[in-house]
C-alpha cells in the first residue's frame, strides 16, 4: 500500500509540488488550501511518508537521467 493511498487528492498533489521546488505557500495556493493546512499535513505520518517517497523517486529519476 502506497503512502498516497491514505491521502486526499489535494494532499497527493502537494508532495510533488514541494519536491519540484515549490514553496509551501505556492503549493497550498495551487491545490486551494491555506498554507497552514499544508503545515498541518506535514505533521501527519502518511503525508510525510508520501513526501519522502516522492522526493526519493525524484532523486532516482534525476540520477538516472544524469547517467544517460
C-alpha atoms as a PDB file:
ATOM      1  CA  UNK A   1       0.000   0.000   0.000  1.00  0.00           C
ATOM      2  CA  UNK A   2       1.437   3.330  -1.082  1.00  0.00           C
ATOM      3  CA  UNK A   3       1.516   6.229   1.416  1.00  0.00           C
ATOM      4  CA  UNK A   4      -0.527   8.297  -1.025  1.00  0.00           C
ATOM      5  CA  UNK A   5      -3.436   5.848  -0.824  1.00  0.00           C
ATOM      6  CA  UNK A   6      -4.405   7.394   2.525  1.00  0.00           C
ATOM      7  CA  UNK A   7      -4.359  10.982   1.255  1.00  0.00           C
ATOM      8  CA  UNK A   8      -6.948  13.236  -0.344  1.00  0.00           C
ATOM      9  CA  UNK A   9      -6.374  14.333  -3.962  1.00  0.00           C
ATOM     10  CA  UNK A  10      -5.072  17.724  -2.759  1.00  0.00           C
ATOM     11  CA  UNK A  11      -2.709  16.035  -0.309  1.00  0.00           C
ATOM     12  CA  UNK A  12      -1.457  13.745  -3.081  1.00  0.00           C
ATOM     13  CA  UNK A  13      -0.540  16.719  -5.298  1.00  0.00           C
ATOM     14  CA  UNK A  14       1.381  18.745  -2.694  1.00  0.00           C
ATOM     15  CA  UNK A  15       4.364  16.362  -2.243  1.00  0.00           C
ATOM     16  CA  UNK A  16       5.056  16.520  -5.982  1.00  0.00           C
ATOM     17  CA  UNK A  17       4.906  20.306  -5.919  1.00  0.00           C
ATOM     18  CA  UNK A  18       7.174  20.573  -2.886  1.00  0.00           C
ATOM     19  CA  UNK A  19       9.637  18.079  -4.347  1.00  0.00           C
ATOM     20  CA  UNK A  20       9.758  20.103  -7.553  1.00  0.00           C
ATOM     21  CA  UNK A  21      10.859  23.165  -5.588  1.00  0.00           C
ATOM     22  CA  UNK A  22       7.568  24.880  -4.917  1.00  0.00           C
ATOM     23  CA  UNK A  23       7.159  26.773  -1.661  1.00  0.00           C
ATOM     24  CA  UNK A  24       4.592  25.652   0.874  1.00  0.00           C
ATOM     25  CA  UNK A  25       2.572  28.783   0.161  1.00  0.00           C
ATOM     26  CA  UNK A  26       2.612  28.265  -3.609  1.00  0.00           C
ATOM     27  CA  UNK A  27       1.737  24.567  -3.299  1.00  0.00           C
ATOM     28  CA  UNK A  28      -1.142  25.410  -0.971  1.00  0.00           C
ATOM     29  CA  UNK A  29      -2.484  28.047  -3.372  1.00  0.00           C
ATOM     30  CA  UNK A  30      -2.235  25.619  -6.285  1.00  0.00           C
ATOM     31  CA  UNK A  31      -4.405  22.995  -4.558  1.00  0.00           C
ATOM     32  CA  UNK A  32      -6.753  25.563  -2.998  1.00  0.00           C
ATOM     33  CA  UNK A  33      -5.905  25.364   0.695  1.00  0.00           C
ATOM     34  CA  UNK A  34      -4.283  27.703   3.204  1.00  0.00           C
ATOM     35  CA  UNK A  35      -0.544  27.345   3.749  1.00  0.00           C
ATOM     36  CA  UNK A  36      -1.188  26.459   7.406  1.00  0.00           C
ATOM     37  CA  UNK A  37      -3.163  23.455   6.182  1.00  0.00           C
ATOM     38  CA  UNK A  38      -0.074  22.154   4.386  1.00  0.00           C
ATOM     39  CA  UNK A  39       1.877  22.746   7.598  1.00  0.00           C
ATOM     40  CA  UNK A  40      -0.670  20.662   9.471  1.00  0.00           C
ATOM     41  CA  UNK A  41      -0.415  17.926   6.850  1.00  0.00           C
ATOM     42  CA  UNK A  42       3.357  17.867   7.323  1.00  0.00           C
ATOM     43  CA  UNK A  43       2.758  16.783  10.928  1.00  0.00           C
ATOM     44  CA  UNK A  44       0.930  13.623   9.820  1.00  0.00           C
ATOM     45  CA  UNK A  45       2.908  10.452   9.215  1.00  0.00           C
ATOM     46  CA  UNK A  46       1.110   9.406   5.988  1.00  0.00           C
ATOM     47  CA  UNK A  47       1.757  12.801   4.398  1.00  0.00           C
ATOM     48  CA  UNK A  48       5.417  12.854   5.485  1.00  0.00           C
ATOM     49  CA  UNK A  49       5.829   9.312   4.134  1.00  0.00           C
ATOM     50  CA  UNK A  50       4.332  10.377   0.799  1.00  0.00           C
ATOM     51  CA  UNK A  51       6.650  13.387   0.661  1.00  0.00           C
ATOM     52  CA  UNK A  52       9.672  11.224   1.447  1.00  0.00           C
ATOM     53  CA  UNK A  53       8.670   8.684  -1.223  1.00  0.00           C
ATOM     54  CA  UNK A  54       8.124  11.422  -3.804  1.00  0.00           C
ATOM     55  CA  UNK A  55      11.485  13.012  -3.060  1.00  0.00           C
ATOM     56  CA  UNK A  56      13.220   9.626  -3.263  1.00  0.00           C
ATOM     57  CA  UNK A  57      11.563   8.836  -6.597  1.00  0.00           C
ATOM     58  CA  UNK A  58      12.503  12.226  -7.988  1.00  0.00           C
ATOM     59  CA  UNK A  59      16.091  11.824  -6.798  1.00  0.00           C
ATOM     60  CA  UNK A  60      16.320   8.438  -8.521  1.00  0.00           C
ATOM     61  CA  UNK A  61      14.909   9.896 -11.734  1.00  0.00           C
ATOM     62  CA  UNK A  62      17.496  12.696 -11.701  1.00  0.00           C
ATOM     63  CA  UNK A  63      20.304  10.216 -11.080  1.00  0.00           C
ATOM     64  CA  UNK A  64      19.169   8.002 -13.962  1.00  0.00           C
ATOM     65  CA  UNK A  65      18.872  10.995 -16.253  1.00  0.00           C
ATOM     66  CA  UNK A  66      22.375  12.127 -15.306  1.00  0.00           C
ATOM     67  CA  UNK A  67      23.830   8.680 -16.068  1.00  0.00           C
ATOM     68  CA  UNK A  68      22.351   8.572 -19.545  1.00  0.00           C
END
